[in-house]
All heavy atoms as atom14 arrays in JSON, in Angstrom:
{
  "sequence": "LGAALVATARRQNELGLAPASDPTLRPYFDRPYLVIGAGRFAAALRS",
  "atom14_mask": [
    [1, 1, 1, 1, 1, 1, 1, 1, 0, 0, 0, 0, 0, 0],
    [1, 1, 1, 1, 0, 0, 0, 0, 0, 0, 0, 0, 0, 0],
    [1, 1, 1, 1, 1, 0, 0, 0, 0, 0, 0, 0, 0, 0],
    [1, 1, 1, 1, 1, 0, 0, 0, 0, 0, 0, 0, 0, 0],
    [1, 1, 1, 1, 1, 1, 1, 1, 0, 0, 0, 0, 0, 0],
    [1, 1, 1, 1, 1, 1, 1, 0, 0, 0, 0, 0, 0, 0],
    [1, 1, 1, 1, 1, 0, 0, 0, 0, 0, 0, 0, 0, 0],
    [1, 1, 1, 1, 1, 1, 1, 0, 0, 0, 0, 0, 0, 0],
    [1, 1, 1, 1, 1, 0, 0, 0, 0, 0, 0, 0, 0, 0],
    [1, 1, 1, 1, 1, 1, 1, 1, 1, 1, 1, 0, 0, 0],
    [1, 1, 1, 1, 1, 1, 1, 1, 1, 1, 1, 0, 0, 0],
    [1, 1, 1, 1, 1, 1, 1, 1, 1, 0, 0, 0, 0, 0],
    [1, 1, 1, 1, 1, 1, 1, 1, 0, 0, 0, 0, 0, 0],
    [1, 1, 1, 1, 1, 1, 1, 1, 1, 0, 0, 0, 0, 0],
    [1, 1, 1, 1, 1, 1, 1, 1, 0, 0, 0, 0, 0, 0],
    [1, 1, 1, 1, 0, 0, 0, 0, 0, 0, 0, 0, 0, 0],
    [1, 1, 1, 1, 1, 1, 1, 1, 0, 0, 0, 0, 0, 0],
    [1, 1, 1, 1, 1, 0, 0, 0, 0, 0, 0, 0, 0, 0],
    [1, 1, 1, 1, 1, 1, 1, 0, 0, 0, 0, 0, 0, 0],
    [1, 1, 1, 1, 1, 0, 0, 0, 0, 0, 0, 0, 0, 0],
    [1, 1, 1, 1, 1, 1, 0, 0, 0, 0, 0, 0, 0, 0],
    [1, 1, 1, 1, 1, 1, 1, 1, 0, 0, 0, 0, 0, 0],
    [1, 1, 1, 1, 1, 1, 1, 0, 0, 0, 0, 0, 0, 0],
    [1, 1, 1, 1, 1, 1, 1, 0, 0, 0, 0, 0, 0, 0],
    [1, 1, 1, 1, 1, 1, 1, 1, 0, 0, 0, 0, 0, 0],
    [1, 1, 1, 1, 1, 1, 1, 1, 1, 1, 1, 0, 0, 0],
    [1, 1, 1, 1, 1, 1, 1, 0, 0, 0, 0, 0, 0, 0],
    [1, 1, 1, 1, 1, 1, 1, 1, 1, 1, 1, 1, 0, 0],
    [1, 1, 1, 1, 1, 1, 1, 1, 1, 1, 1, 0, 0, 0],
    [1, 1, 1, 1, 1, 1, 1, 1, 0, 0, 0, 0, 0, 0],
    [1, 1, 1, 1, 1, 1, 1, 1, 1, 1, 1, 0, 0, 0],
    [1, 1, 1, 1, 1, 1, 1, 0, 0, 0, 0, 0, 0, 0],
    [1, 1, 1, 1, 1, 1, 1, 1, 1, 1, 1, 1, 0, 0],
    [1, 1, 1, 1, 1, 1, 1, 1, 0, 0, 0, 0, 0, 0],
    [1, 1, 1, 1, 1, 1, 1, 0, 0, 0, 0, 0, 0, 0],
    [1, 1, 1, 1, 1, 1, 1, 1, 0, 0, 0, 0, 0, 0],
    [1, 1, 1, 1, 0, 0, 0, 0, 0, 0, 0, 0, 0, 0],
    [1, 1, 1, 1, 1, 0, 0, 0, 0, 0, 0, 0, 0, 0],
    [1, 1, 1, 1, 0, 0, 0, 0, 0, 0, 0, 0, 0, 0],
    [1, 1, 1, 1, 1, 1, 1, 1, 1, 1, 1, 0, 0, 0],
    [1, 1, 1, 1, 1, 1, 1, 1, 1, 1, 1, 0, 0, 0],
    [1, 1, 1, 1, 1, 0, 0, 0, 0, 0, 0, 0, 0, 0],
    [1, 1, 1, 1, 1, 0, 0, 0, 0, 0, 0, 0, 0, 0],
    [1, 1, 1, 1, 1, 0, 0, 0, 0, 0, 0, 0, 0, 0],
    [1, 1, 1, 1, 1, 1, 1, 1, 0, 0, 0, 0, 0, 0],
    [1, 1, 1, 1, 1, 1, 1, 1, 1, 1, 1, 0, 0, 0],
    [1, 1, 1, 1, 1, 1, 0, 0, 0, 0, 0, 0, 0, 0]
  ],
  "atom14_positions": [
    [[173.08, 16.45, 150.93], [171.94, 15.76, 150.33], [172.38, 14.43, 149.75], [171.7, 13.41, 149.91], [171.29, 16.63, 149.24], [170.1, 16.0, 148.51], [168.99, 15.64, 149.48], [169.6, 16.95, 147.43], [0.0, 0.0, 0.0], [0.0, 0.0, 0.0], [0.0, 0.0, 0.0], [0.0, 0.0, 0.0], [0.0, 0.0, 0.0], [0.0, 0.0, 0.0]],
    [[173.53, 14.42, 149.1], [174.06, 13.18, 148.53], [174.27, 12.12, 149.6], [173.94, 10.94, 149.39], [0.0, 0.0, 0.0], [0.0, 0.0, 0.0], [0.0, 0.0, 0.0], [0.0, 0.0, 0.0], [0.0, 0.0, 0.0], [0.0, 0.0, 0.0], [0.0, 0.0, 0.0], [0.0, 0.0, 0.0], [0.0, 0.0, 0.0], [0.0, 0.0, 0.0]],
    [[174.81, 12.51, 150.75], [175.02, 11.55, 151.84], [173.68, 10.99, 152.32], [173.57, 9.79, 152.59], [175.77, 12.22, 152.99], [0.0, 0.0, 0.0], [0.0, 0.0, 0.0], [0.0, 0.0, 0.0], [0.0, 0.0, 0.0], [0.0, 0.0, 0.0], [0.0, 0.0, 0.0], [0.0, 0.0, 0.0], [0.0, 0.0, 0.0], [0.0, 0.0, 0.0]],
    [[172.66, 11.85, 152.41], [171.34, 11.37, 152.84], [170.74, 10.43, 151.8], [170.14, 9.4, 152.16], [170.41, 12.56, 153.07], [0.0, 0.0, 0.0], [0.0, 0.0, 0.0], [0.0, 0.0, 0.0], [0.0, 0.0, 0.0], [0.0, 0.0, 0.0], [0.0, 0.0, 0.0], [0.0, 0.0, 0.0], [0.0, 0.0, 0.0], [0.0, 0.0, 0.0]],
    [[170.91, 10.75, 150.52], [170.38, 9.89, 149.47], [171.07, 8.53, 149.44], [170.42, 7.49, 149.28], [170.51, 10.57, 148.11], [169.63, 11.82, 147.92], [170.05, 12.57, 146.66], [168.18, 11.44, 147.88], [0.0, 0.0, 0.0], [0.0, 0.0, 0.0], [0.0, 0.0, 0.0], [0.0, 0.0, 0.0], [0.0, 0.0, 0.0], [0.0, 0.0, 0.0]],
    [[172.39, 8.53, 149.61], [173.13, 7.26, 149.63], [172.69, 6.43, 150.83], [172.48, 5.21, 150.71], [174.65, 7.52, 149.63], [175.42, 6.26, 149.97], [175.09, 8.07, 148.28], [0.0, 0.0, 0.0], [0.0, 0.0, 0.0], [0.0, 0.0, 0.0], [0.0, 0.0, 0.0], [0.0, 0.0, 0.0], [0.0, 0.0, 0.0], [0.0, 0.0, 0.0]],
    [[172.53, 7.06, 151.98], [172.09, 6.32, 153.18], [170.69, 5.73, 152.97], [170.44, 4.58, 153.34], [172.09, 7.25, 154.4], [0.0, 0.0, 0.0], [0.0, 0.0, 0.0], [0.0, 0.0, 0.0], [0.0, 0.0, 0.0], [0.0, 0.0, 0.0], [0.0, 0.0, 0.0], [0.0, 0.0, 0.0], [0.0, 0.0, 0.0], [0.0, 0.0, 0.0]],
    [[169.81, 6.49, 152.33], [168.46, 6.0, 152.05], [168.5, 4.84, 151.06], [167.8, 3.83, 151.23], [167.59, 7.15, 151.51], [167.56, 8.2, 152.48], [166.17, 6.69, 151.23], [0.0, 0.0, 0.0], [0.0, 0.0, 0.0], [0.0, 0.0, 0.0], [0.0, 0.0, 0.0], [0.0, 0.0, 0.0], [0.0, 0.0, 0.0], [0.0, 0.0, 0.0]],
    [[169.32, 4.97, 150.03], [169.44, 3.9, 149.02], [169.99, 2.63, 149.66], [169.51, 1.53, 149.38], [170.34, 4.37, 147.89], [0.0, 0.0, 0.0], [0.0, 0.0, 0.0], [0.0, 0.0, 0.0], [0.0, 0.0, 0.0], [0.0, 0.0, 0.0], [0.0, 0.0, 0.0], [0.0, 0.0, 0.0], [0.0, 0.0, 0.0], [0.0, 0.0, 0.0]],
    [[170.99, 2.78, 150.5], [171.54, 1.6, 151.2], [170.48, 0.95, 152.08], [170.39, -0.28, 152.14], [172.76, 2.01, 152.03], [173.97, 2.29, 151.19], [175.16, 2.65, 152.05], [176.33, 2.87, 151.22], [177.33, 3.64, 151.55], [177.34, 4.28, 152.71], [178.36, 3.78, 150.73], [0.0, 0.0, 0.0], [0.0, 0.0, 0.0], [0.0, 0.0, 0.0]],
    [[169.69, 1.77, 152.75], [168.65, 1.22, 153.63], [167.61, 0.46, 152.8], [167.16, -0.61, 153.2], [167.99, 2.34, 154.43], [166.95, 1.85, 155.39], [167.54, 0.98, 156.47], [166.49, 0.53, 157.36], [166.35, -0.72, 157.79], [167.23, -1.64, 157.45], [165.36, -1.05, 158.57], [0.0, 0.0, 0.0], [0.0, 0.0, 0.0], [0.0, 0.0, 0.0]],
    [[167.24, 1.0, 151.65], [166.29, 0.29, 150.8], [166.87, -1.07, 150.41], [166.18, -2.08, 150.46], [165.95, 1.08, 149.54], [164.99, 0.31, 148.62], [164.55, 1.1, 147.43], [164.16, 2.25, 147.56], [164.58, 0.48, 146.26], [0.0, 0.0, 0.0], [0.0, 0.0, 0.0], [0.0, 0.0, 0.0], [0.0, 0.0, 0.0], [0.0, 0.0, 0.0]],
    [[168.14, -1.09, 150.04], [168.78, -2.35, 149.68], [168.77, -3.32, 150.86], [168.51, -4.51, 150.7], [170.21, -2.12, 149.2], [170.26, -1.51, 147.81], [169.3, -1.56, 147.06], [171.4, -0.93, 147.48], [0.0, 0.0, 0.0], [0.0, 0.0, 0.0], [0.0, 0.0, 0.0], [0.0, 0.0, 0.0], [0.0, 0.0, 0.0], [0.0, 0.0, 0.0]],
    [[169.07, -2.82, 152.06], [169.11, -3.67, 153.26], [167.74, -4.28, 153.56], [167.66, -5.41, 154.04], [169.57, -2.86, 154.47], [171.03, -2.46, 154.42], [171.38, -1.42, 155.48], [170.51, -1.06, 156.3], [172.54, -0.96, 155.47], [0.0, 0.0, 0.0], [0.0, 0.0, 0.0], [0.0, 0.0, 0.0], [0.0, 0.0, 0.0], [0.0, 0.0, 0.0]],
    [[166.68, -3.54, 153.29], [165.34, -4.04, 153.58], [164.95, -5.2, 152.67], [164.06, -5.98, 153.01], [164.31, -2.91, 153.44], [164.38, -1.84, 154.53], [163.47, -0.67, 154.18], [163.99, -2.44, 155.88], [0.0, 0.0, 0.0], [0.0, 0.0, 0.0], [0.0, 0.0, 0.0], [0.0, 0.0, 0.0], [0.0, 0.0, 0.0], [0.0, 0.0, 0.0]],
    [[165.59, -5.31, 151.53], [165.31, -6.43, 150.64], [163.94, -6.41, 150.0], [163.41, -7.45, 149.63], [0.0, 0.0, 0.0], [0.0, 0.0, 0.0], [0.0, 0.0, 0.0], [0.0, 0.0, 0.0], [0.0, 0.0, 0.0], [0.0, 0.0, 0.0], [0.0, 0.0, 0.0], [0.0, 0.0, 0.0], [0.0, 0.0, 0.0], [0.0, 0.0, 0.0]],
    [[163.36, -5.23, 149.85], [162.04, -5.12, 149.24], [162.08, -5.29, 147.73], [161.05, -5.54, 147.1], [161.42, -3.75, 149.57], [161.23, -3.46, 151.06], [160.79, -2.02, 151.25], [160.22, -4.42, 151.66], [0.0, 0.0, 0.0], [0.0, 0.0, 0.0], [0.0, 0.0, 0.0], [0.0, 0.0, 0.0], [0.0, 0.0, 0.0], [0.0, 0.0, 0.0]],
    [[163.25, -5.11, 147.17], [163.42, -5.16, 145.72], [164.86, -5.58, 145.42], [165.7, -5.57, 146.31], [163.14, -3.78, 145.13], [0.0, 0.0, 0.0], [0.0, 0.0, 0.0], [0.0, 0.0, 0.0], [0.0, 0.0, 0.0], [0.0, 0.0, 0.0], [0.0, 0.0, 0.0], [0.0, 0.0, 0.0], [0.0, 0.0, 0.0], [0.0, 0.0, 0.0]],
    [[165.14, -5.93, 144.17], [166.53, -6.2, 143.83], [167.4, -4.99, 144.18], [166.99, -3.85, 143.99], [166.49, -6.42, 142.31], [165.08, -6.81, 142.02], [164.24, -6.1, 143.04], [0.0, 0.0, 0.0], [0.0, 0.0, 0.0], [0.0, 0.0, 0.0], [0.0, 0.0, 0.0], [0.0, 0.0, 0.0], [0.0, 0.0, 0.0], [0.0, 0.0, 0.0]],
    [[168.57, -5.25, 144.7], [169.46, -4.16, 145.12], [169.91, -3.34, 143.92], [170.11, -3.86, 142.82], [170.67, -4.73, 145.86], [0.0, 0.0, 0.0], [0.0, 0.0, 0.0], [0.0, 0.0, 0.0], [0.0, 0.0, 0.0], [0.0, 0.0, 0.0], [0.0, 0.0, 0.0], [0.0, 0.0, 0.0], [0.0, 0.0, 0.0], [0.0, 0.0, 0.0]],
    [[170.04, -2.04, 144.16], [170.56, -1.11, 143.15], [171.83, -0.47, 143.7], [171.99, -0.34, 144.91], [169.53, -0.01, 142.85], [168.35, -0.57, 142.3], [0.0, 0.0, 0.0], [0.0, 0.0, 0.0], [0.0, 0.0, 0.0], [0.0, 0.0, 0.0], [0.0, 0.0, 0.0], [0.0, 0.0, 0.0], [0.0, 0.0, 0.0], [0.0, 0.0, 0.0]],
    [[172.71, -0.08, 142.82], [173.97, 0.54, 143.2], [173.69, 1.86, 143.94], [173.17, 2.79, 143.33], [174.82, 0.79, 141.96], [176.13, 1.48, 142.26], [176.54, 1.54, 143.43], [176.75, 1.97, 141.3], [0.0, 0.0, 0.0], [0.0, 0.0, 0.0], [0.0, 0.0, 0.0], [0.0, 0.0, 0.0], [0.0, 0.0, 0.0], [0.0, 0.0, 0.0]],
    [[174.05, 1.96, 145.22], [173.72, 3.15, 146.0], [174.78, 4.26, 145.92], [175.15, 4.84, 146.94], [173.61, 2.6, 147.42], [174.63, 1.53, 147.46], [174.61, 0.91, 146.08], [0.0, 0.0, 0.0], [0.0, 0.0, 0.0], [0.0, 0.0, 0.0], [0.0, 0.0, 0.0], [0.0, 0.0, 0.0], [0.0, 0.0, 0.0], [0.0, 0.0, 0.0]],
    [[175.28, 4.52, 144.74], [176.29, 5.57, 144.61], [175.74, 6.73, 143.77], [174.82, 6.56, 142.96], [177.57, 5.04, 143.94], [177.24, 4.5, 142.66], [178.22, 3.97, 144.79], [0.0, 0.0, 0.0], [0.0, 0.0, 0.0], [0.0, 0.0, 0.0], [0.0, 0.0, 0.0], [0.0, 0.0, 0.0], [0.0, 0.0, 0.0], [0.0, 0.0, 0.0]],
    [[176.32, 7.88, 143.99], [175.94, 9.07, 143.24], [176.55, 9.02, 141.86], [177.57, 8.38, 141.65], [176.4, 10.32, 143.98], [175.84, 10.52, 145.39], [176.45, 11.75, 146.04], [174.33, 10.61, 145.38], [0.0, 0.0, 0.0], [0.0, 0.0, 0.0], [0.0, 0.0, 0.0], [0.0, 0.0, 0.0], [0.0, 0.0, 0.0], [0.0, 0.0, 0.0]],
    [[175.9, 9.68, 140.93], [176.37, 9.72, 139.55], [176.07, 11.09, 138.96], [175.2, 11.79, 139.47], [175.7, 8.62, 138.74], [174.2, 8.67, 138.77], [173.49, 7.34, 138.7], [174.05, 6.38, 139.6], [174.34, 5.12, 139.26], [174.02, 4.68, 138.08], [174.87, 4.3, 140.11], [0.0, 0.0, 0.0], [0.0, 0.0, 0.0], [0.0, 0.0, 0.0]],
    [[176.75, 11.48, 137.89], [176.5, 12.78, 137.29], [175.07, 12.89, 136.76], [174.49, 11.91, 136.29], [177.49, 12.86, 136.13], [178.54, 11.85, 136.46], [177.85, 10.77, 137.24], [0.0, 0.0, 0.0], [0.0, 0.0, 0.0], [0.0, 0.0, 0.0], [0.0, 0.0, 0.0], [0.0, 0.0, 0.0], [0.0, 0.0, 0.0], [0.0, 0.0, 0.0]],
    [[174.53, 14.08, 136.83], [173.21, 14.37, 136.27], [173.4, 14.79, 134.82], [173.68, 15.94, 134.52], [172.53, 15.46, 137.08], [171.13, 15.78, 136.6], [170.11, 14.85, 136.76], [170.84, 16.98, 136.0], [168.83, 15.12, 136.32], [169.56, 17.27, 135.56], [168.56, 16.33, 135.72], [167.29, 16.6, 135.28], [0.0, 0.0, 0.0], [0.0, 0.0, 0.0]],
    [[173.3, 13.82, 133.92], [173.53, 14.02, 132.49], [174.87, 14.71, 132.29], [175.87, 14.25, 132.82], [172.36, 14.76, 131.84], [171.06, 14.0, 131.96], [170.14, 14.33, 132.93], [170.79, 12.92, 131.12], [168.95, 13.61, 133.06], [169.61, 12.2, 131.24], [168.7, 12.55, 132.21], [0.0, 0.0, 0.0], [0.0, 0.0, 0.0], [0.0, 0.0, 0.0]],
    [[174.91, 15.82, 131.58], [176.19, 16.5, 131.35], [176.39, 17.69, 132.29], [177.28, 18.5, 132.08], [176.31, 16.93, 129.89], [175.24, 17.93, 129.49], [174.26, 18.11, 130.23], [175.38, 18.55, 128.41], [0.0, 0.0, 0.0], [0.0, 0.0, 0.0], [0.0, 0.0, 0.0], [0.0, 0.0, 0.0], [0.0, 0.0, 0.0], [0.0, 0.0, 0.0]],
    [[175.59, 17.76, 133.32], [175.68, 18.87, 134.27], [176.65, 18.51, 135.4], [176.89, 17.33, 135.67], [174.31, 19.2, 134.83], [173.37, 19.66, 133.73], [172.01, 19.97, 134.27], [171.12, 20.34, 133.18], [169.85, 20.57, 133.34], [169.29, 20.49, 134.54], [169.11, 20.91, 132.32], [0.0, 0.0, 0.0], [0.0, 0.0, 0.0], [0.0, 0.0, 0.0]],
    [[177.16, 19.5, 136.09], [178.18, 19.23, 137.12], [177.59, 18.87, 138.48], [178.15, 19.23, 139.51], [178.94, 20.56, 137.18], [177.9, 21.58, 136.88], [177.0, 20.94, 135.84], [0.0, 0.0, 0.0], [0.0, 0.0, 0.0], [0.0, 0.0, 0.0], [0.0, 0.0, 0.0], [0.0, 0.0, 0.0], [0.0, 0.0, 0.0], [0.0, 0.0, 0.0]],
    [[176.47, 18.17, 138.51], [175.82, 17.82, 139.77], [175.76, 16.31, 139.93], [175.59, 15.59, 138.96], [174.4, 18.4, 139.83], [174.37, 19.86, 139.51], [173.82, 20.32, 138.31], [174.9, 20.8, 140.39], [173.8, 21.66, 138.0], [174.89, 22.15, 140.08], [174.34, 22.57, 138.89], [174.33, 23.9, 138.59], [0.0, 0.0, 0.0], [0.0, 0.0, 0.0]],
    [[175.85, 15.86, 141.17], [175.73, 14.43, 141.45], [174.35, 14.14, 142.01], [173.85, 14.86, 142.87], [176.81, 14.0, 142.44], [178.25, 14.11, 141.93], [179.23, 13.76, 143.05], [178.46, 13.22, 140.73], [0.0, 0.0, 0.0], [0.0, 0.0, 0.0], [0.0, 0.0, 0.0], [0.0, 0.0, 0.0], [0.0, 0.0, 0.0], [0.0, 0.0, 0.0]],
    [[173.75, 13.05, 141.53], [172.43, 12.63, 141.96], [172.45, 11.12, 142.23], [173.38, 10.42, 141.84], [171.35, 12.96, 140.91], [171.25, 14.46, 140.69], [171.63, 12.25, 139.59], [0.0, 0.0, 0.0], [0.0, 0.0, 0.0], [0.0, 0.0, 0.0], [0.0, 0.0, 0.0], [0.0, 0.0, 0.0], [0.0, 0.0, 0.0], [0.0, 0.0, 0.0]],
    [[171.43, 10.61, 142.86], [171.37, 9.17, 143.15], [170.76, 8.4, 141.98], [170.97, 7.21, 141.83], [170.59, 8.89, 144.45], [170.83, 7.47, 144.96], [169.11, 9.13, 144.28], [172.18, 7.23, 145.55], [0.0, 0.0, 0.0], [0.0, 0.0, 0.0], [0.0, 0.0, 0.0], [0.0, 0.0, 0.0], [0.0, 0.0, 0.0], [0.0, 0.0, 0.0]],
    [[170.01, 9.08, 141.11], [169.32, 8.37, 140.02], [168.17, 7.57, 140.6], [168.09, 6.35, 140.43], [0.0, 0.0, 0.0], [0.0, 0.0, 0.0], [0.0, 0.0, 0.0], [0.0, 0.0, 0.0], [0.0, 0.0, 0.0], [0.0, 0.0, 0.0], [0.0, 0.0, 0.0], [0.0, 0.0, 0.0], [0.0, 0.0, 0.0], [0.0, 0.0, 0.0]],
    [[167.28, 8.24, 141.3], [166.22, 7.57, 142.06], [165.3, 6.71, 141.21], [164.68, 5.78, 141.72], [165.39, 8.61, 142.81], [0.0, 0.0, 0.0], [0.0, 0.0, 0.0], [0.0, 0.0, 0.0], [0.0, 0.0, 0.0], [0.0, 0.0, 0.0], [0.0, 0.0, 0.0], [0.0, 0.0, 0.0], [0.0, 0.0, 0.0], [0.0, 0.0, 0.0]],
    [[165.24, 6.98, 139.91], [164.39, 6.16, 139.06], [164.76, 4.69, 139.09], [163.89, 3.82, 138.97], [0.0, 0.0, 0.0], [0.0, 0.0, 0.0], [0.0, 0.0, 0.0], [0.0, 0.0, 0.0], [0.0, 0.0, 0.0], [0.0, 0.0, 0.0], [0.0, 0.0, 0.0], [0.0, 0.0, 0.0], [0.0, 0.0, 0.0], [0.0, 0.0, 0.0]],
    [[166.04, 4.4, 139.29], [166.48, 3.0, 139.37], [165.86, 2.31, 140.58], [165.46, 1.15, 140.51], [168.01, 2.94, 139.51], [168.75, 3.59, 138.38], [170.25, 3.63, 138.6], [170.62, 4.45, 139.74], [171.32, 4.02, 140.8], [171.76, 2.78, 140.85], [171.62, 4.83, 141.78], [0.0, 0.0, 0.0], [0.0, 0.0, 0.0], [0.0, 0.0, 0.0]],
    [[165.79, 3.04, 141.68], [165.24, 2.47, 142.9], [163.72, 2.32, 142.8], [163.15, 1.32, 143.23], [165.63, 3.33, 144.1], [167.11, 3.29, 144.36], [167.96, 4.18, 143.75], [167.64, 2.31, 145.18], [169.33, 4.12, 143.95], [169.01, 2.23, 145.39], [169.85, 3.13, 144.77], [0.0, 0.0, 0.0], [0.0, 0.0, 0.0], [0.0, 0.0, 0.0]],
    [[163.07, 3.31, 142.19], [161.63, 3.23, 141.98], [161.29, 2.07, 141.06], [160.34, 1.32, 141.31], [161.1, 4.54, 141.41], [0.0, 0.0, 0.0], [0.0, 0.0, 0.0], [0.0, 0.0, 0.0], [0.0, 0.0, 0.0], [0.0, 0.0, 0.0], [0.0, 0.0, 0.0], [0.0, 0.0, 0.0], [0.0, 0.0, 0.0], [0.0, 0.0, 0.0]],
    [[162.07, 1.89, 140.0], [161.82, 0.79, 139.06], [162.0, -0.56, 139.74], [161.23, -1.5, 139.5], [162.73, 0.9, 137.85], [0.0, 0.0, 0.0], [0.0, 0.0, 0.0], [0.0, 0.0, 0.0], [0.0, 0.0, 0.0], [0.0, 0.0, 0.0], [0.0, 0.0, 0.0], [0.0, 0.0, 0.0], [0.0, 0.0, 0.0], [0.0, 0.0, 0.0]],
    [[163.01, -0.67, 140.59], [163.24, -1.93, 141.31], [162.06, -2.23, 142.24], [161.59, -3.38, 142.3], [164.54, -1.87, 142.09], [0.0, 0.0, 0.0], [0.0, 0.0, 0.0], [0.0, 0.0, 0.0], [0.0, 0.0, 0.0], [0.0, 0.0, 0.0], [0.0, 0.0, 0.0], [0.0, 0.0, 0.0], [0.0, 0.0, 0.0], [0.0, 0.0, 0.0]],
    [[161.58, -1.22, 142.94], [160.43, -1.43, 143.83], [159.2, -1.79, 143.0], [158.45, -2.71, 143.36], [160.17, -0.18, 144.66], [161.16, 0.09, 145.78], [160.95, 1.48, 146.36], [161.05, -0.97, 146.87], [0.0, 0.0, 0.0], [0.0, 0.0, 0.0], [0.0, 0.0, 0.0], [0.0, 0.0, 0.0], [0.0, 0.0, 0.0], [0.0, 0.0, 0.0]],
    [[158.99, -1.09, 141.91], [157.82, -1.36, 141.06], [157.85, -2.8, 140.54], [156.82, -3.47, 140.49], [157.82, -0.36, 139.89], [156.76, -0.57, 138.86], [155.44, -0.04, 139.32], [154.46, -0.19, 138.24], [153.31, 0.38, 138.24], [152.97, 1.18, 139.21], [152.47, 0.19, 137.26], [0.0, 0.0, 0.0], [0.0, 0.0, 0.0], [0.0, 0.0, 0.0]],
    [[159.02, -3.28, 140.17], [159.13, -4.64, 139.64], [158.84, -5.7, 140.7], [158.58, -6.85, 140.36], [160.51, -4.87, 139.03], [161.49, -4.99, 140.05], [0.0, 0.0, 0.0], [0.0, 0.0, 0.0], [0.0, 0.0, 0.0], [0.0, 0.0, 0.0], [0.0, 0.0, 0.0], [0.0, 0.0, 0.0], [0.0, 0.0, 0.0], [0.0, 0.0, 0.0]]
  ]
}
């Protein structure tokens, strides 16, 4: 899932629809899971 999310984030950046966001996974708060932090991408598109 992480690989798919990173690929999607990179594609969004390539399309240039919004300011680019870092397409790397990051910890989900203090839990042992990695997520893309999709809110950053949504906020960039919204802006």
